[in-house]
Amino acid sequence: MSTLTPGALLARRYRLIDRVGAGGMSVIWRARDEVLDRTVAVKVLSAALAADARFRDLVRDEARAAAQLVHPNVATVHDYAETVAPDGTVTAFVVFELLTGDELEARLTEGPLPWPDAVRVCAEVAEALAAAHRLGIVHRDVTPANVMMTPTGAKVLDFGIATRVGAPDDDAEGETFGTPAYVAPERLDGTPAQPATDSYALGVLLYETLTGHVPVPADTWEDLTRAWSAGHVPPPPEVPGLPPSVAALCMRCLARDPLSRPTAHAAAAELRAAIAAAPPPAPAPAPAPAPDRAAPRRGWVLVAAGIAAVLLLATAVLVPLLHDGAAPPGDGIAAQPTTPSPSPSTRQPAPTPAATVSIGEALSRVDGLIAEGQAVGGIRHDIATDLRNLLRELDAAETRTDRVNQLRAKVAVRAGEGAISRPYAERLDVALAGFPGG
């Protein structure tokens, strides 16, 4: 099969739009699911690797493993398929939800995260790993490149080398999978896959997000072997304000003995507790008053302040009269009104016509409602993702009326199912009813 290009149709269903990312094994495309009429991400195995049945199996296993995980901090997988061209070329791909945000790896190029953000991100990653471990799945490649920071929280990606608990932890040639700096020491000995190896990688991730560097620098397996053979012990992370419990947890995750490491579930609970117990940020101190070098002029300042107050009062009286079309009586000096001001019900500014709201403002308003509802539990996570996909399609549509009506109908259906609370369903419907072109 020739190199994929925008507009290509995979499996008679997924229309490629544009490339959004690439790695050593795959290319990520934004695509259109023409059957379900939604925007998705399509991860296509590189042509060279797709010719190898072993790598196709990796992609298929990733889809199977991740498809079992229904969790707000795991990217949702929709489909897996293979196509064969007339010349025998195989294209293998996974279809998953299209995420918006930044890779944690890219964010860390700017430096470590503030410790509350680092702890929150790692708590969300730990919760995703705990969900995988409950299903007997070990990720085996927890790195910043496989964590996406989205508006709704961290998402764990790429279960491409995930395996079952107890399965051999190397390939047919005895090679170790993963990224060296995040690989637990026991994995170098071929120990069967176990959740504790993910707990170790979680500790590396926490250490790096807090300090900006990994605890055991290693670009190759040889580097990692030398570090462990030399008995390298990283120092605890030292970050101003970091609770000692978090530093201690990090070091327990990095323990040489797998049995000494906390489970992902326990780590998530400890990290959440640290966030909850953290004191609110202190308000910025007020600037010190400047030295009073103009004491002799204080009287003039008071006079000027009095004049300003009179001008403000005059403005407050005259402007409403002028806006109502009334001219000042007599010589133009307005008398203080003795009757009460009109009530808000009789004197309310006219609402801004819907036509004056821009498409961008309307989209932002609806997206904000979705995010707010999801955050407080008024909109289920998977439904929020579906609504955002429909919202993106609404932005791209040439004729929006039908799309708006479809979205309003979807909100009503989901509210009837209990996936959207009634208050948020009503607020979303009002926002969509005023949508430009809707």
Protein backbone atom coordinates (compact mmCIF):
# COMPACT_ATOMS: atom_id res chain seq x y z
CA MET A 1 0.00 0.00 0.00
CA SER A 2 1.31 3.47 -0.87
CA THR A 3 2.07 6.07 1.77
CA LEU A 4 -1.12 7.24 3.45
CA THR A 5 -2.33 10.72 2.57
CA PRO A 6 -5.16 12.96 3.76
CA GLY A 7 -8.45 11.75 2.32
CA ALA A 8 -7.49 8.06 2.33
CA LEU A 9 -10.21 5.70 3.56
CA LEU A 10 -9.23 2.83 5.87
CA ALA A 11 -11.46 -0.22 6.27
CA ARG A 12 -14.15 1.59 4.23
CA ARG A 13 -14.89 3.63 7.34
CA TYR A 14 -12.12 5.93 8.62
CA ARG A 15 -11.36 8.96 6.43
CA LEU A 16 -7.93 10.39 7.24
CA ILE A 17 -7.82 14.16 7.77
CA ASP A 18 -4.31 15.11 8.90
CA ARG A 19 -1.34 13.82 10.87
CA VAL A 20 -1.23 14.86 14.51
CA GLY A 21 1.78 12.89 15.78
CA ALA A 22 4.41 10.30 14.96
CA GLY A 23 6.67 7.91 16.83
CA GLY A 24 9.12 5.16 16.08
CA MET A 25 6.40 2.55 15.57
CA SER A 26 3.40 4.48 14.38
CA VAL A 27 1.80 7.62 12.99
CA ILE A 28 -1.26 9.22 14.60
CA TRP A 29 -3.93 10.64 12.29
CA ARG A 30 -7.00 12.73 12.95
CA ALA A 31 -9.76 10.94 11.07
CA ARG A 32 -13.49 10.86 10.48
CA ASP A 33 -15.49 7.78 11.42
CA GLU A 34 -17.99 7.85 8.56
CA VAL A 35 -20.15 5.15 10.13
CA LEU A 36 -20.69 6.80 13.53
CA ASP A 37 -20.14 10.34 12.19
CA ARG A 38 -17.51 11.44 14.70
CA THR A 39 -13.88 12.59 14.79
CA VAL A 40 -11.38 10.04 16.10
CA ALA A 41 -7.65 9.36 16.30
CA VAL A 42 -6.17 6.55 14.21
CA LYS A 43 -2.82 5.05 15.21
CA VAL A 44 -1.30 3.42 12.12
CA LEU A 45 1.61 1.03 12.48
CA SER A 46 4.53 2.07 10.25
CA ALA A 47 4.62 0.23 6.91
CA ALA A 48 7.96 -1.43 7.65
CA LEU A 49 6.76 -2.83 10.98
CA ALA A 50 3.28 -3.74 9.76
CA ALA A 51 4.91 -6.31 7.49
CA ASP A 52 6.01 -8.16 10.64
CA ALA A 53 3.24 -10.25 12.18
CA ARG A 54 4.88 -9.80 15.62
CA PHE A 55 4.41 -6.04 15.53
CA ARG A 56 0.88 -6.37 14.24
CA ASP A 57 0.21 -8.58 17.25
CA LEU A 58 1.57 -5.83 19.51
CA VAL A 59 -0.88 -3.33 18.08
CA ARG A 60 -3.78 -5.77 18.33
CA ASP A 61 -2.86 -6.64 21.91
CA GLU A 62 -2.73 -2.94 22.76
CA ALA A 63 -6.27 -2.53 21.46
CA ARG A 64 -7.53 -5.55 23.35
CA ALA A 65 -5.88 -4.51 26.60
CA ALA A 66 -6.93 -0.87 26.48
CA ALA A 67 -10.46 -1.67 25.25
CA GLN A 68 -11.11 -3.47 28.53
CA LEU A 69 -10.27 -0.33 30.49
CA VAL A 70 -13.16 2.06 30.93
CA HIS A 71 -11.60 4.75 33.09
CA PRO A 72 -11.48 8.58 32.92
CA ASN A 73 -7.65 8.51 32.98
CA VAL A 74 -7.21 5.98 30.16
CA ALA A 75 -7.63 6.88 26.48
CA THR A 76 -10.72 5.05 25.19
CA VAL A 77 -10.09 2.56 22.37
CA HIS A 78 -12.86 2.19 19.79
CA ASP A 79 -11.59 -0.29 17.20
CA TYR A 80 -8.74 -2.31 15.70
CA ALA A 81 -8.47 -3.32 12.05
CA GLU A 82 -6.11 -4.46 9.32
CA THR A 83 -6.36 -3.78 5.60
CA VAL A 84 -4.50 -5.62 2.85
CA ALA A 85 -3.64 -3.85 -0.42
CA PRO A 86 -3.63 -5.69 -3.77
CA ASP A 87 0.17 -5.92 -3.53
CA GLY A 88 -0.11 -7.68 -0.17
CA THR A 89 0.93 -4.70 1.96
CA VAL A 90 -0.74 -4.76 5.37
CA THR A 91 -1.90 -1.65 7.22
CA ALA A 92 -2.71 -2.24 10.89
CA PHE A 93 -4.27 0.47 13.03
CA VAL A 94 -6.01 1.24 16.32
CA VAL A 95 -8.86 3.75 16.57
CA PHE A 96 -9.24 5.67 19.83
CA GLU A 97 -10.70 8.87 21.21
CA LEU A 98 -9.18 12.08 19.90
CA LEU A 99 -7.56 13.87 22.83
CA THR A 100 -6.75 17.55 23.18
CA GLY A 101 -3.84 18.62 25.32
CA ASP A 102 -0.07 18.22 25.63
CA GLU A 103 2.17 15.26 26.23
CA LEU A 104 3.67 15.36 29.70
CA GLU A 105 7.07 14.82 28.05
CA ALA A 106 6.73 18.09 26.11
CA ARG A 107 5.59 19.93 29.24
CA LEU A 108 8.65 18.72 31.18
CA THR A 109 11.00 20.30 28.65
CA GLU A 110 10.04 23.57 30.37
CA GLY A 111 11.13 22.23 33.75
CA PRO A 112 9.53 20.35 36.67
CA LEU A 113 5.88 20.89 37.55
CA PRO A 114 4.81 22.74 40.68
CA TRP A 115 4.59 19.99 43.28
CA PRO A 116 0.77 20.07 43.65
CA ASP A 117 0.44 19.63 39.86
CA ALA A 118 3.02 16.83 39.82
CA VAL A 119 1.23 15.01 42.63
CA ARG A 120 -2.17 15.43 40.96
CA VAL A 121 -0.95 14.12 37.59
CA CYS A 122 0.75 11.12 39.19
CA ALA A 123 -2.34 10.39 41.30
CA GLU A 124 -4.39 10.22 38.10
CA VAL A 125 -1.79 7.99 36.43
CA ALA A 126 -1.76 5.74 39.52
CA GLU A 127 -5.56 5.44 39.38
CA ALA A 128 -5.37 4.42 35.72
CA LEU A 129 -2.70 1.80 36.52
CA ALA A 130 -4.77 0.50 39.44
CA ALA A 131 -7.69 -0.02 37.05
CA ALA A 132 -5.41 -1.92 34.65
CA HIS A 133 -3.97 -4.07 37.44
CA ARG A 134 -7.47 -5.02 38.61
CA LEU A 135 -7.95 -6.55 35.14
CA GLY A 136 -4.61 -8.34 35.33
CA ILE A 137 -2.88 -5.98 32.86
CA VAL A 138 0.62 -4.56 33.34
CA HIS A 139 1.42 -1.48 31.23
CA ARG A 140 5.25 -1.86 31.23
CA ASP A 141 5.96 1.53 29.60
CA VAL A 142 4.77 4.29 31.95
CA THR A 143 6.73 7.34 30.78
CA PRO A 144 5.97 11.05 30.24
CA ALA A 145 5.62 10.32 26.50
CA ASN A 146 2.69 8.05 27.31
CA VAL A 147 0.82 10.52 29.51
CA MET A 148 -1.36 13.18 27.92
CA MET A 149 -2.37 16.24 29.94
CA THR A 150 -5.93 17.11 28.87
CA PRO A 151 -8.49 19.63 30.16
CA THR A 152 -10.18 16.79 32.05
CA GLY A 153 -7.02 15.34 33.60
CA ALA A 154 -4.11 13.06 32.77
CA LYS A 155 -4.71 10.22 30.29
CA VAL A 156 -2.48 7.13 30.09
CA LEU A 157 -1.76 6.14 26.48
CA ASP A 158 -0.10 3.35 24.54
CA PHE A 159 -0.72 -0.10 25.92
CA GLY A 160 1.35 -1.36 22.98
CA ILE A 161 3.68 -3.46 25.16
CA ALA A 162 1.16 -4.21 27.90
CA THR A 163 0.89 -7.84 28.97
CA ARG A 164 -0.86 -10.07 31.44
CA VAL A 165 0.31 -10.44 35.03
CA GLY A 166 2.63 -13.44 35.19
CA ALA A 167 3.48 -13.46 31.48
CA PRO A 168 7.15 -13.54 30.38
CA ASP A 169 8.58 -10.04 30.63
CA ASP A 170 10.71 -10.19 27.50
CA ASP A 171 10.24 -11.01 23.83
CA ALA A 172 11.06 -14.21 21.96
CA GLU A 173 14.71 -13.14 21.64
CA GLY A 174 15.00 -12.40 25.36
CA GLU A 175 15.02 -8.62 24.88
CA THR A 176 13.46 -6.36 27.51
CA PHE A 177 10.57 -4.11 26.51
CA GLY A 178 10.28 -0.49 27.61
CA THR A 179 12.26 2.69 28.18
CA PRO A 180 15.46 1.99 30.20
CA ALA A 181 15.23 4.82 32.76
CA TYR A 182 11.71 3.67 33.76
CA VAL A 183 12.38 -0.08 33.89
CA ALA A 184 12.47 -1.77 37.30
CA PRO A 185 15.68 -3.66 38.15
CA GLU A 186 13.98 -7.07 38.38
CA ARG A 187 12.87 -6.79 34.76
CA LEU A 188 16.50 -7.09 33.65
CA ASP A 189 16.47 -10.59 35.16
CA GLY A 190 13.44 -11.68 33.14
CA THR A 191 11.07 -11.87 36.12
CA PRO A 192 7.46 -12.43 34.96
CA ALA A 193 5.41 -9.27 34.52
CA GLN A 194 3.90 -7.96 37.73
CA PRO A 195 2.11 -4.77 38.85
CA ALA A 196 5.10 -3.80 41.00
CA THR A 197 7.05 -2.95 37.84
CA ASP A 198 4.43 -0.31 37.01
CA SER A 199 4.70 1.01 40.59
CA TYR A 200 8.44 1.48 40.01
CA ALA A 201 7.78 3.40 36.79
CA LEU A 202 5.22 5.51 38.66
CA GLY A 203 7.96 6.40 41.17
CA VAL A 204 10.27 7.46 38.32
CA LEU A 205 7.45 9.55 36.85
CA LEU A 206 6.76 11.23 40.19
CA TYR A 207 10.47 11.90 40.75
CA GLU A 208 10.85 13.44 37.29
CA THR A 209 7.75 15.64 37.47
CA LEU A 210 8.95 16.95 40.84
CA THR A 211 12.64 17.50 40.04
CA GLY A 212 12.89 17.66 36.24
CA HIS A 213 15.17 14.60 35.95
CA VAL A 214 14.92 10.84 36.38
CA PRO A 215 16.37 9.19 39.53
CA VAL A 216 18.57 6.73 37.61
CA PRO A 217 19.80 8.29 34.34
CA ALA A 218 19.99 5.58 31.65
CA ASP A 219 19.68 5.91 27.89
CA THR A 220 20.56 2.26 27.19
CA TRP A 221 20.19 -1.10 28.89
CA GLU A 222 23.95 -1.06 29.49
CA ASP A 223 23.65 2.26 31.32
CA LEU A 224 20.89 0.84 33.50
CA THR A 225 22.82 -2.36 34.26
CA ARG A 226 25.91 -0.39 35.28
CA ALA A 227 23.88 1.90 37.55
CA TRP A 228 22.26 -0.98 39.40
CA SER A 229 25.49 -2.97 39.57
CA ALA A 230 27.19 0.03 41.17
CA GLY A 231 24.48 0.12 43.83
CA HIS A 232 23.18 3.54 42.73
CA VAL A 233 20.64 4.93 45.23
CA PRO A 234 18.94 8.18 44.20
CA PRO A 235 18.52 10.88 46.84
CA PRO A 236 14.95 11.71 47.91
CA PRO A 237 13.35 14.49 45.87
CA GLU A 238 13.88 17.85 47.54
CA VAL A 239 11.25 20.38 46.56
CA PRO A 240 10.21 23.42 48.62
CA GLY A 241 6.87 22.78 50.28
CA LEU A 242 6.67 19.12 49.23
CA PRO A 243 5.01 17.05 51.99
CA PRO A 244 7.48 14.52 53.45
CA SER A 245 4.89 11.79 52.86
CA VAL A 246 5.13 12.33 49.09
CA ALA A 247 8.93 12.15 49.08
CA ALA A 248 8.74 8.96 51.18
CA LEU A 249 6.16 7.44 48.84
CA CYS A 250 8.34 8.21 45.84
CA MET A 251 11.30 6.41 47.39
CA ARG A 252 9.14 3.40 48.32
CA CYS A 253 8.03 3.13 44.71
CA LEU A 254 11.72 3.11 43.70
CA ALA A 255 12.64 0.32 46.14
CA ARG A 256 14.86 -2.44 44.72
CA ASP A 257 12.62 -5.09 46.27
CA PRO A 258 9.28 -5.30 44.38
CA LEU A 259 7.51 -6.44 47.56
CA SER A 260 8.48 -3.17 49.28
CA ARG A 261 6.69 -1.03 46.71
CA PRO A 262 3.13 0.21 47.27
CA THR A 263 0.39 -0.90 44.92
CA ALA A 264 -0.84 1.64 42.37
CA HIS A 265 -4.12 1.83 44.31
CA ALA A 266 -2.32 2.62 47.58
CA ALA A 267 -0.05 5.16 45.85
CA ALA A 268 -3.06 6.94 44.34
CA ALA A 269 -4.74 7.14 47.75
CA GLU A 270 -1.61 8.59 49.40
CA LEU A 271 -1.11 11.14 46.65
CA ARG A 272 -4.75 12.24 46.82
CA ALA A 273 -4.44 12.58 50.61
CA ALA A 274 -1.35 14.76 50.20
CA ILE A 275 -3.22 17.08 47.84
CA ALA A 276 -6.22 17.29 50.18
CA ALA A 277 -4.02 18.10 53.18
CA ALA A 278 -1.97 20.75 51.40
CA PRO A 279 -2.59 24.26 52.75
CA PRO A 280 -4.08 26.73 50.27
CA PRO A 281 -1.52 28.97 48.60
CA ALA A 282 -0.72 32.03 50.69
CA PRO A 283 -1.98 35.32 49.27
CA ALA A 284 0.65 37.55 47.75
CA PRO A 285 1.87 40.11 50.30
CA ALA A 286 0.58 43.61 49.80
CA PRO A 287 3.21 46.02 48.49
CA ALA A 288 4.74 48.26 51.15
CA PRO A 289 3.45 51.83 51.05
CA ALA A 290 5.77 54.26 49.37
CA PRO A 291 7.49 56.82 51.61
CA ASP A 292 5.34 59.93 52.03
CA ARG A 293 7.49 62.58 50.36
CA ALA A 294 4.59 64.90 49.58
CA ALA A 295 3.20 65.65 53.06
CA PRO A 296 2.88 69.40 52.43
CA ARG A 297 0.59 68.64 49.48
CA ARG A 298 -1.79 66.38 51.41
CA GLY A 299 -4.38 69.14 51.61
CA TRP A 300 -4.37 69.53 47.83
CA VAL A 301 -4.80 65.76 47.45
CA LEU A 302 -7.86 65.84 49.69
CA VAL A 303 -9.33 68.73 47.71
CA ALA A 304 -8.71 66.89 44.45
CA ALA A 305 -10.37 63.77 45.87
CA GLY A 306 -13.40 65.83 46.89
CA ILE A 307 -13.68 67.32 43.39
CA ALA A 308 -13.44 63.84 41.86
CA ALA A 309 -16.23 62.61 44.12
CA VAL A 310 -18.48 65.49 43.06
CA LEU A 311 -17.79 64.78 39.38
CA LEU A 312 -18.61 61.10 39.86
CA LEU A 313 -21.89 61.98 41.58
CA ALA A 314 -22.82 64.36 38.78
CA THR A 315 -22.04 61.67 36.20
CA ALA A 316 -24.17 59.13 38.06
CA VAL A 317 -27.14 61.55 37.91
CA LEU A 318 -26.73 62.92 34.38
CA VAL A 319 -25.81 59.80 32.39
CA PRO A 320 -29.03 57.85 33.09
CA LEU A 321 -31.10 60.92 32.18
CA LEU A 322 -29.26 61.39 28.92
CA HIS A 323 -29.60 57.68 28.09
CA ASP A 324 -33.38 57.92 28.69
CA GLY A 325 -33.57 60.77 26.21
CA ALA A 326 -34.46 63.38 28.87
CA ALA A 327 -32.79 66.78 28.78
CA PRO A 328 -31.66 68.50 32.01
CA PRO A 329 -34.30 70.98 33.19
CA GLY A 330 -33.83 74.79 33.14
CA ASP A 331 -30.23 75.87 33.09
CA GLY A 332 -28.95 72.26 32.84
CA ILE A 333 -28.39 71.61 36.57
CA ALA A 334 -30.19 68.36 37.46
CA ALA A 335 -32.06 68.22 40.75
CA GLN A 336 -31.61 65.18 43.02
CA PRO A 337 -34.58 62.86 42.27
CA THR A 338 -36.98 62.40 45.17
CA THR A 339 -38.81 59.38 43.72
CA PRO A 340 -37.32 55.87 43.93
CA SER A 341 -35.36 54.59 40.94
CA PRO A 342 -37.21 52.25 38.59
CA SER A 343 -37.00 48.62 39.68
CA PRO A 344 -34.87 46.20 37.66
CA SER A 345 -38.04 44.61 36.30
CA THR A 346 -39.14 47.88 34.70
CA ARG A 347 -35.73 49.09 33.68
CA GLN A 348 -33.58 46.18 32.54
CA PRO A 349 -31.03 46.46 29.72
CA ALA A 350 -32.12 44.66 26.60
CA PRO A 351 -30.45 41.27 26.21
CA THR A 352 -27.69 40.98 23.66
CA PRO A 353 -29.15 39.49 20.48
CA ALA A 354 -27.96 35.94 19.84
CA ALA A 355 -26.64 37.02 16.45
CA THR A 356 -24.01 39.20 18.14
CA VAL A 357 -22.42 36.19 19.86
CA SER A 358 -19.52 34.85 17.80
CA ILE A 359 -19.13 31.19 16.92
CA GLY A 360 -16.01 31.04 19.08
CA GLU A 361 -17.81 32.52 22.10
CA ALA A 362 -20.72 30.11 21.69
CA LEU A 363 -18.40 27.11 21.37
CA SER A 364 -16.41 28.22 24.42
CA ARG A 365 -19.61 28.65 26.44
CA VAL A 366 -20.90 25.15 25.65
CA ASP A 367 -17.47 23.55 26.14
CA GLY A 368 -17.17 25.29 29.50
CA LEU A 369 -20.53 23.90 30.60
CA ILE A 370 -19.43 20.40 29.58
CA ALA A 371 -16.16 20.73 31.55
CA GLU A 372 -17.97 22.12 34.60
CA GLY A 373 -20.59 19.36 34.53
CA GLN A 374 -17.94 16.67 34.16
CA ALA A 375 -15.89 18.08 37.05
CA VAL A 376 -18.81 18.01 39.50
CA GLY A 377 -20.28 14.71 38.32
CA GLY A 378 -23.21 16.22 36.46
CA ILE A 379 -22.01 14.78 33.14
CA ARG A 380 -20.49 11.31 32.85
CA HIS A 381 -16.89 11.27 31.55
CA ASP A 382 -17.56 9.26 28.38
CA ILE A 383 -20.60 11.37 27.57
CA ALA A 384 -18.54 14.57 28.02
CA THR A 385 -16.01 13.23 25.49
CA ASP A 386 -18.80 12.39 23.03
CA LEU A 387 -20.34 15.85 23.41
CA ARG A 388 -16.96 17.50 22.78
CA ASN A 389 -16.51 15.48 19.59
CA LEU A 390 -19.94 16.62 18.40
CA LEU A 391 -19.02 20.18 19.34
CA ARG A 392 -15.88 20.02 17.17
CA GLU A 393 -17.99 18.75 14.28
CA LEU A 394 -20.40 21.62 14.87
CA ASP A 395 -17.51 24.09 14.58
CA ALA A 396 -16.43 22.58 11.25
CA ALA A 397 -19.92 22.24 9.76
CA GLU A 398 -20.96 24.64 7.00
CA THR A 399 -24.64 24.43 7.98
CA ARG A 400 -25.01 24.39 11.74
CA THR A 401 -28.78 24.23 12.26
CA ASP A 402 -29.06 20.45 11.81
CA ARG A 403 -25.90 19.85 13.85
CA VAL A 404 -27.20 21.99 16.71
CA ASN A 405 -30.51 20.12 16.70
CA GLN A 406 -28.66 16.77 16.72
CA LEU A 407 -26.58 17.90 19.67
CA ARG A 408 -29.65 19.13 21.58
CA ALA A 409 -31.36 15.80 20.90
CA LYS A 410 -28.28 13.92 22.13
CA VAL A 411 -28.30 15.95 25.37
CA ALA A 412 -31.99 15.14 25.89
CA VAL A 413 -31.44 11.42 25.30
CA ARG A 414 -28.46 11.26 27.66
CA ALA A 415 -30.40 13.17 30.31
CA GLY A 416 -33.19 10.59 30.03
CA GLU A 417 -30.60 7.84 30.57
CA GLY A 418 -29.25 9.61 33.65
CA ALA A 419 -25.82 10.24 32.09
CA ILE A 420 -26.42 14.02 32.28
CA SER A 421 -28.13 15.60 35.27
CA ARG A 422 -31.30 17.55 34.58
CA PRO A 423 -29.83 20.94 35.62
CA TYR A 424 -26.88 20.56 33.24
CA ALA A 425 -29.09 19.23 30.46
CA GLU A 426 -31.26 22.35 30.77
CA ARG A 427 -28.24 24.69 30.82
CA LEU A 428 -26.72 22.98 27.78
CA ASP A 429 -30.02 23.19 25.91
CA VAL A 430 -30.33 26.92 26.62
CA ALA A 431 -26.74 27.53 25.46
CA LEU A 432 -27.31 25.52 22.27
CA ALA A 433 -30.65 27.21 21.57
CA GLY A 434 -28.81 30.54 21.31
CA PHE A 435 -26.05 29.14 19.10
CA PRO A 436 -25.34 31.27 16.01
CA GLY A 437 -27.01 29.66 13.06
CA GLY A 438 -28.80 27.21 15.40
